Amino acid sequence: QNPYWLWLGENRESLTKEAGSGKGSAVGKLAGQKWKTMSEAAKKPYEKKAEALKQEYEQKMADFVAAGGVKGKRRAEKAEAKAAKGSKKARKEARAASGQPKKPPTGYWLYLKENREAIEKAAGSKKPTLVASLAGKKWKAMSDAQKKPFEDKAAMAKVEYQKAMEEWKKNGGGQEEGDEEEEDEGEEDQ
C-alpha cells in the first residue's frame, strides 16, 4: 500500500463524518484534498510505514521464489485459461469450417424474423432489446392457433437439422481425440 492508502485507512471514519456521506466518491474527494494540503512532516510516518510494508512484501516474495514458488503464476494461469477458451468468434468460425449444421430457429425466432419490421414500427425503435421485448410480449399473447404455422416450420427445420447432424456425424464430423470410443461402439451395433 502507498502512504495515502495507509492514511486513508486510519482516517476513513472521521472523513466519512466530515463528508456527510459514506459514498466512496465523496470520501475519496475530501481525502484527496486533505492529503494534498498535509505537510511533509505529517505524511512522513505513513511514508515510513509504506516503505516498511514494501520491504516486508519484497522479502516474503523473495522467500517464496527461493522456496520454488513462481511469481505471477495465478495471473498467468488465468490468462492462459482465457486464451485457451478462445473467442466466441473463433469458435463460431471453427464450427462453420467443420461443416457442422447450424441449429434451426425456434417458432419464436421465425415469427420475429417475419414480423421484425412491424414490431420495430410498433416499438418506435430498432434497438434489439426493445424489439425483442415487444416481440416476446406479442408472442406470449398469441393463441396456439396463431403460433402453429411458425412452430410447424420450426419442427420441420428441426427434423431436417437432426438428419443433417446424423449424416455429419456418420461422415466423421465432430470426431476428436476423446470421441474414439463412440465410434467403436457404433461399429459394434452394425
C-alpha atoms as a PDB file:
ATOM      1  CA  GLN A   1       0.000   0.000   0.000  1.00  0.00           C
ATOM      2  CA  ASN A   2       1.118   3.514  -0.624  1.00  0.00           C
ATOM      3  CA  PRO A   3       1.251   6.187   2.102  1.00  0.00           C
ATOM      4  CA  TYR A   4      -2.046   7.758   1.043  1.00  0.00           C
ATOM      5  CA  TRP A   5      -3.973   4.482   1.400  1.00  0.00           C
ATOM      6  CA  LEU A   6      -2.466   3.854   4.822  1.00  0.00           C
ATOM      7  CA  TRP A   7      -3.526   7.339   5.951  1.00  0.00           C
ATOM      8  CA  LEU A   8      -6.987   6.885   4.423  1.00  0.00           C
ATOM      9  CA  GLY A   9      -7.428   3.550   6.192  1.00  0.00           C
ATOM     10  CA  GLU A  10      -6.717   5.147   9.564  1.00  0.00           C
ATOM     11  CA  ASN A  11      -8.853   8.237   8.955  1.00  0.00           C
ATOM     12  CA  ARG A  12     -11.793   6.911   6.922  1.00  0.00           C
ATOM     13  CA  GLU A  13     -14.288   7.117   9.786  1.00  0.00           C
ATOM     14  CA  SER A  14     -13.604  10.788  10.548  1.00  0.00           C
ATOM     15  CA  LEU A  15     -13.523  11.627   6.829  1.00  0.00           C
ATOM     16  CA  THR A  16     -16.892   9.908   6.326  1.00  0.00           C
ATOM     17  CA  LYS A  17     -18.412  12.009   9.118  1.00  0.00           C
ATOM     18  CA  GLU A  18     -16.846  15.185   7.723  1.00  0.00           C
ATOM     19  CA  ALA A  19     -18.012  14.400   4.178  1.00  0.00           C
ATOM     20  CA  GLY A  20     -21.509  13.757   5.467  1.00  0.00           C
ATOM     21  CA  SER A  21     -21.788  10.674   3.300  1.00  0.00           C
ATOM     22  CA  GLY A  22     -20.418   7.159   3.179  1.00  0.00           C
ATOM     23  CA  LYS A  23     -20.115   7.247  -0.604  1.00  0.00           C
ATOM     24  CA  GLY A  24     -16.657   6.366  -1.801  1.00  0.00           C
ATOM     25  CA  SER A  25     -16.590   9.241  -4.285  1.00  0.00           C
ATOM     26  CA  ALA A  26     -17.406  11.882  -1.649  1.00  0.00           C
ATOM     27  CA  VAL A  27     -14.971  10.470   0.917  1.00  0.00           C
ATOM     28  CA  GLY A  28     -12.261   9.982  -1.709  1.00  0.00           C
ATOM     29  CA  LYS A  29     -12.583  13.544  -2.966  1.00  0.00           C
ATOM     30  CA  LEU A  30     -12.336  15.003   0.529  1.00  0.00           C
ATOM     31  CA  ALA A  31      -9.466  12.660   1.450  1.00  0.00           C
ATOM     32  CA  GLY A  32      -7.559  13.632  -1.692  1.00  0.00           C
ATOM     33  CA  GLN A  33      -7.905  17.313  -0.902  1.00  0.00           C
ATOM     34  CA  LYS A  34      -6.774  16.834   2.690  1.00  0.00           C
ATOM     35  CA  TRP A  35      -3.806  14.646   1.681  1.00  0.00           C
ATOM     36  CA  LYS A  36      -2.601  17.279  -0.793  1.00  0.00           C
ATOM     37  CA  THR A  37      -2.705  20.011   1.838  1.00  0.00           C
ATOM     38  CA  MET A  38      -0.914  17.929   4.513  1.00  0.00           C
ATOM     39  CA  SER A  39       2.634  18.904   5.377  1.00  0.00           C
ATOM     40  CA  GLU A  40       5.564  16.631   4.579  1.00  0.00           C
ATOM     41  CA  ALA A  41       6.117  16.111   8.308  1.00  0.00           C
ATOM     42  CA  ALA A  42       2.536  14.834   8.705  1.00  0.00           C
ATOM     43  CA  LYS A  43       2.956  12.481   5.731  1.00  0.00           C
ATOM     44  CA  LYS A  44       6.336  11.172   6.919  1.00  0.00           C
ATOM     45  CA  PRO A  45       5.043   8.414   9.303  1.00  0.00           C
ATOM     46  CA  TYR A  46       2.816   6.987   6.559  1.00  0.00           C
ATOM     47  CA  GLU A  47       5.673   7.060   4.051  1.00  0.00           C
ATOM     48  CA  LYS A  48       7.918   5.190   6.533  1.00  0.00           C
ATOM     49  CA  LYS A  49       5.197   2.628   7.224  1.00  0.00           C
ATOM     50  CA  ALA A  50       4.568   2.126   3.493  1.00  0.00           C
ATOM     51  CA  GLU A  51       8.294   1.624   2.877  1.00  0.00           C
ATOM     52  CA  ALA A  52       8.486  -0.930   5.718  1.00  0.00           C
ATOM     53  CA  LEU A  53       5.487  -2.824   4.314  1.00  0.00           C
ATOM     54  CA  LYS A  54       7.033  -2.778   0.842  1.00  0.00           C
ATOM     55  CA  GLN A  55      10.317  -4.207   2.142  1.00  0.00           C
ATOM     56  CA  GLU A  56       8.432  -6.868   4.118  1.00  0.00           C
ATOM     57  CA  TYR A  57       6.496  -7.835   0.960  1.00  0.00           C
ATOM     58  CA  GLU A  58       9.654  -7.990  -1.150  1.00  0.00           C
ATOM     59  CA  GLN A  59      11.323 -10.194   1.484  1.00  0.00           C
ATOM     60  CA  LYS A  60       8.350 -12.542   1.605  1.00  0.00           C
ATOM     61  CA  MET A  61       8.259 -12.687  -2.189  1.00  0.00           C
ATOM     62  CA  ALA A  62      11.977 -13.475  -2.335  1.00  0.00           C
ATOM     63  CA  ASP A  63      11.492 -16.265   0.229  1.00  0.00           C
ATOM     64  CA  PHE A  64       8.533 -17.604  -1.764  1.00  0.00           C
ATOM     65  CA  VAL A  65      10.524 -17.643  -5.028  1.00  0.00           C
ATOM     66  CA  ALA A  66      13.530 -19.204  -3.267  1.00  0.00           C
ATOM     67  CA  ALA A  67      11.251 -21.968  -1.945  1.00  0.00           C
ATOM     68  CA  GLY A  68      10.291 -22.841  -5.536  1.00  0.00           C
ATOM     69  CA  GLY A  69       7.269 -20.585  -5.978  1.00  0.00           C
ATOM     70  CA  VAL A  70       6.542 -18.855  -9.262  1.00  0.00           C
ATOM     71  CA  LYS A  71       5.847 -15.110  -9.219  1.00  0.00           C
ATOM     72  CA  GLY A  72       2.676 -14.167 -11.118  1.00  0.00           C
ATOM     73  CA  LYS A  73       1.622 -17.794 -11.618  1.00  0.00           C
ATOM     74  CA  ARG A  74      -2.088 -17.285 -10.876  1.00  0.00           C
ATOM     75  CA  ARG A  75      -2.346 -14.332 -13.215  1.00  0.00           C
ATOM     76  CA  ALA A  76      -0.558 -16.268 -15.962  1.00  0.00           C
ATOM     77  CA  GLU A  77      -2.805 -19.307 -15.423  1.00  0.00           C
ATOM     78  CA  LYS A  78      -5.908 -17.139 -15.674  1.00  0.00           C
ATOM     79  CA  ALA A  79      -4.697 -15.526 -18.897  1.00  0.00           C
ATOM     80  CA  GLU A  80      -3.772 -18.923 -20.322  1.00  0.00           C
ATOM     81  CA  ALA A  81      -7.195 -20.371 -19.497  1.00  0.00           C
ATOM     82  CA  LYS A  82      -8.900 -17.408 -21.100  1.00  0.00           C
ATOM     83  CA  ALA A  83      -6.803 -17.730 -24.255  1.00  0.00           C
ATOM     84  CA  ALA A  84      -7.406 -21.482 -24.415  1.00  0.00           C
ATOM     85  CA  LYS A  85     -11.124 -20.934 -24.182  1.00  0.00           C
ATOM     86  CA  GLY A  86     -10.866 -18.857 -27.318  1.00  0.00           C
ATOM     87  CA  SER A  87     -13.052 -16.095 -28.528  1.00  0.00           C
ATOM     88  CA  LYS A  88     -16.671 -16.649 -29.427  1.00  0.00           C
ATOM     89  CA  LYS A  89     -15.969 -15.599 -32.998  1.00  0.00           C
ATOM     90  CA  ALA A  90     -13.142 -18.130 -33.367  1.00  0.00           C
ATOM     91  CA  ARG A  91     -15.339 -20.954 -32.022  1.00  0.00           C
ATOM     92  CA  LYS A  92     -18.129 -19.955 -34.403  1.00  0.00           C
ATOM     93  CA  GLU A  93     -15.726 -19.930 -37.364  1.00  0.00           C
ATOM     94  CA  ALA A  94     -14.289 -23.310 -36.354  1.00  0.00           C
ATOM     95  CA  ARG A  95     -17.785 -24.800 -36.147  1.00  0.00           C
ATOM     96  CA  ALA A  96     -18.635 -23.427 -39.599  1.00  0.00           C
ATOM     97  CA  ALA A  97     -15.364 -24.726 -41.060  1.00  0.00           C
ATOM     98  CA  SER A  98     -16.083 -28.206 -39.703  1.00  0.00           C
ATOM     99  CA  GLY A  99     -19.278 -28.335 -41.740  1.00  0.00           C
ATOM    100  CA  GLN A 100     -21.440 -28.851 -38.657  1.00  0.00           C
ATOM    101  CA  PRO A 101     -25.065 -27.970 -39.393  1.00  0.00           C
ATOM    102  CA  LYS A 102     -26.470 -24.912 -37.659  1.00  0.00           C
ATOM    103  CA  LYS A 103     -29.233 -25.386 -35.126  1.00  0.00           C
ATOM    104  CA  PRO A 104     -32.626 -24.441 -36.575  1.00  0.00           C
ATOM    105  CA  PRO A 105     -34.551 -21.431 -35.317  1.00  0.00           C
ATOM    106  CA  THR A 106     -37.462 -21.893 -32.938  1.00  0.00           C
ATOM    107  CA  GLY A 107     -41.015 -20.838 -33.741  1.00  0.00           C
ATOM    108  CA  TYR A 108     -40.446 -17.579 -31.883  1.00  0.00           C
ATOM    109  CA  TRP A 109     -37.364 -16.718 -33.945  1.00  0.00           C
ATOM    110  CA  LEU A 110     -39.212 -17.478 -37.189  1.00  0.00           C
ATOM    111  CA  TYR A 111     -42.048 -15.203 -36.006  1.00  0.00           C
ATOM    112  CA  LEU A 112     -39.580 -12.456 -35.110  1.00  0.00           C
ATOM    113  CA  LYS A 113     -37.800 -12.724 -38.460  1.00  0.00           C
ATOM    114  CA  GLU A 114     -41.071 -12.491 -40.381  1.00  0.00           C
ATOM    115  CA  ASN A 115     -42.529  -9.630 -38.308  1.00  0.00           C
ATOM    116  CA  ARG A 116     -39.444  -7.623 -37.356  1.00  0.00           C
ATOM    117  CA  GLU A 117     -40.291  -4.522 -39.409  1.00  0.00           C
ATOM    118  CA  ALA A 118     -43.811  -4.242 -37.972  1.00  0.00           C
ATOM    119  CA  ILE A 119     -42.509  -4.786 -34.430  1.00  0.00           C
ATOM    120  CA  GLU A 120     -39.806  -2.127 -34.933  1.00  0.00           C
ATOM    121  CA  LYS A 121     -42.500   0.341 -36.029  1.00  0.00           C
ATOM    122  CA  ALA A 122     -44.655  -0.532 -33.031  1.00  0.00           C
ATOM    123  CA  ALA A 123     -41.674  -0.209 -30.680  1.00  0.00           C
ATOM    124  CA  GLY A 124     -40.640   3.062 -32.297  1.00  0.00           C
ATOM    125  CA  SER A 125     -37.021   1.916 -32.297  1.00  0.00           C
ATOM    126  CA  LYS A 126     -34.655  -0.551 -33.915  1.00  0.00           C
ATOM    127  CA  LYS A 127     -32.824  -1.279 -30.665  1.00  0.00           C
ATOM    128  CA  PRO A 128     -32.621  -5.069 -30.358  1.00  0.00           C
ATOM    129  CA  THR A 129     -33.532  -5.054 -26.665  1.00  0.00           C
ATOM    130  CA  LEU A 130     -36.728  -3.068 -27.236  1.00  0.00           C
ATOM    131  CA  VAL A 131     -37.703  -5.061 -30.325  1.00  0.00           C
ATOM    132  CA  ALA A 132     -37.081  -8.416 -28.619  1.00  0.00           C
ATOM    133  CA  SER A 133     -39.003  -7.314 -25.520  1.00  0.00           C
ATOM    134  CA  LEU A 134     -42.055  -6.256 -27.518  1.00  0.00           C
ATOM    135  CA  ALA A 135     -41.842  -9.336 -29.744  1.00  0.00           C
ATOM    136  CA  GLY A 136     -41.718 -11.575 -26.675  1.00  0.00           C
ATOM    137  CA  LYS A 137     -44.819  -9.929 -25.225  1.00  0.00           C
ATOM    138  CA  LYS A 138     -46.681 -10.287 -28.530  1.00  0.00           C
ATOM    139  CA  TRP A 139     -45.554 -13.919 -28.885  1.00  0.00           C
ATOM    140  CA  LYS A 140     -46.811 -14.774 -25.388  1.00  0.00           C
ATOM    141  CA  ALA A 141     -50.135 -13.070 -26.103  1.00  0.00           C
ATOM    142  CA  MET A 142     -50.666 -15.060 -29.329  1.00  0.00           C
ATOM    143  CA  SER A 143     -53.022 -18.040 -29.326  1.00  0.00           C
ATOM    144  CA  ASP A 144     -51.769 -21.540 -30.105  1.00  0.00           C
ATOM    145  CA  ALA A 145     -53.539 -21.357 -33.473  1.00  0.00           C
ATOM    146  CA  GLN A 146     -51.614 -18.190 -34.360  1.00  0.00           C
ATOM    147  CA  LYS A 147     -48.309 -19.765 -33.274  1.00  0.00           C
ATOM    148  CA  LYS A 148     -48.947 -23.047 -35.102  1.00  0.00           C
ATOM    149  CA  PRO A 149     -47.568 -22.072 -38.564  1.00  0.00           C
ATOM    150  CA  PHE A 150     -44.305 -20.874 -37.023  1.00  0.00           C
ATOM    151  CA  GLU A 151     -43.991 -23.893 -34.744  1.00  0.00           C
ATOM    152  CA  ASP A 152     -44.722 -26.268 -37.655  1.00  0.00           C
ATOM    153  CA  LYS A 153     -41.958 -24.648 -39.717  1.00  0.00           C
ATOM    154  CA  ALA A 154     -39.620 -24.907 -36.727  1.00  0.00           C
ATOM    155  CA  ALA A 155     -40.496 -28.597 -36.238  1.00  0.00           C
ATOM    156  CA  MET A 156     -39.778 -29.337 -39.918  1.00  0.00           C
ATOM    157  CA  ALA A 157     -36.478 -27.446 -39.693  1.00  0.00           C
ATOM    158  CA  LYS A 158     -35.567 -29.417 -36.555  1.00  0.00           C
ATOM    159  CA  VAL A 159     -36.190 -32.748 -38.306  1.00  0.00           C
ATOM    160  CA  GLU A 160     -34.007 -31.627 -41.225  1.00  0.00           C
ATOM    161  CA  TYR A 161     -31.326 -30.484 -38.775  1.00  0.00           C
ATOM    162  CA  GLN A 162     -31.351 -33.828 -36.959  1.00  0.00           C
ATOM    163  CA  LYS A 163     -30.961 -35.692 -40.267  1.00  0.00           C
ATOM    164  CA  ALA A 164     -28.123 -33.396 -41.340  1.00  0.00           C
ATOM    165  CA  MET A 165     -26.470 -33.805 -37.925  1.00  0.00           C
ATOM    166  CA  GLU A 166     -26.676 -37.621 -38.127  1.00  0.00           C
ATOM    167  CA  GLU A 167     -25.167 -37.506 -41.614  1.00  0.00           C
ATOM    168  CA  TRP A 168     -22.428 -35.152 -40.456  1.00  0.00           C
ATOM    169  CA  LYS A 169     -21.572 -37.421 -37.517  1.00  0.00           C
ATOM    170  CA  LYS A 170     -21.679 -40.504 -39.740  1.00  0.00           C
ATOM    171  CA  ASN A 171     -19.134 -38.890 -42.041  1.00  0.00           C
ATOM    172  CA  GLY A 172     -16.741 -38.267 -39.166  1.00  0.00           C
ATOM    173  CA  GLY A 173     -17.827 -34.790 -38.185  1.00  0.00           C
ATOM    174  CA  GLY A 174     -17.126 -33.817 -34.610  1.00  0.00           C
ATOM    175  CA  GLN A 175     -14.650 -36.665 -34.059  1.00  0.00           C
ATOM    176  CA  GLU A 176     -11.920 -35.580 -31.702  1.00  0.00           C
ATOM    177  CA  GLU A 177      -9.372 -37.461 -29.653  1.00  0.00           C
ATOM    178  CA  GLY A 178     -11.874 -38.191 -26.873  1.00  0.00           C
ATOM    179  CA  ASP A 179     -14.643 -39.336 -29.257  1.00  0.00           C
ATOM    180  CA  GLU A 180     -12.944 -42.523 -30.469  1.00  0.00           C
ATOM    181  CA  GLU A 181     -14.913 -44.670 -28.008  1.00  0.00           C
ATOM    182  CA  GLU A 182     -18.226 -43.548 -29.533  1.00  0.00           C
ATOM    183  CA  GLU A 183     -17.000 -44.585 -32.962  1.00  0.00           C
ATOM    184  CA  ASP A 184     -16.038 -48.069 -31.676  1.00  0.00           C
ATOM    185  CA  GLU A 185     -19.443 -48.526 -30.042  1.00  0.00           C
ATOM    186  CA  GLY A 186     -21.165 -47.605 -33.303  1.00  0.00           C
ATOM    187  CA  GLU A 187     -19.259 -50.312 -35.178  1.00  0.00           C
ATOM    188  CA  GLU A 188     -20.392 -52.977 -32.703  1.00  0.00           C
ATOM    189  CA  ASP A 189     -24.040 -52.148 -33.305  1.00  0.00           C
ATOM    190  CA  GLN A 190     -23.790 -52.736 -37.079  1.00  0.00           C
END
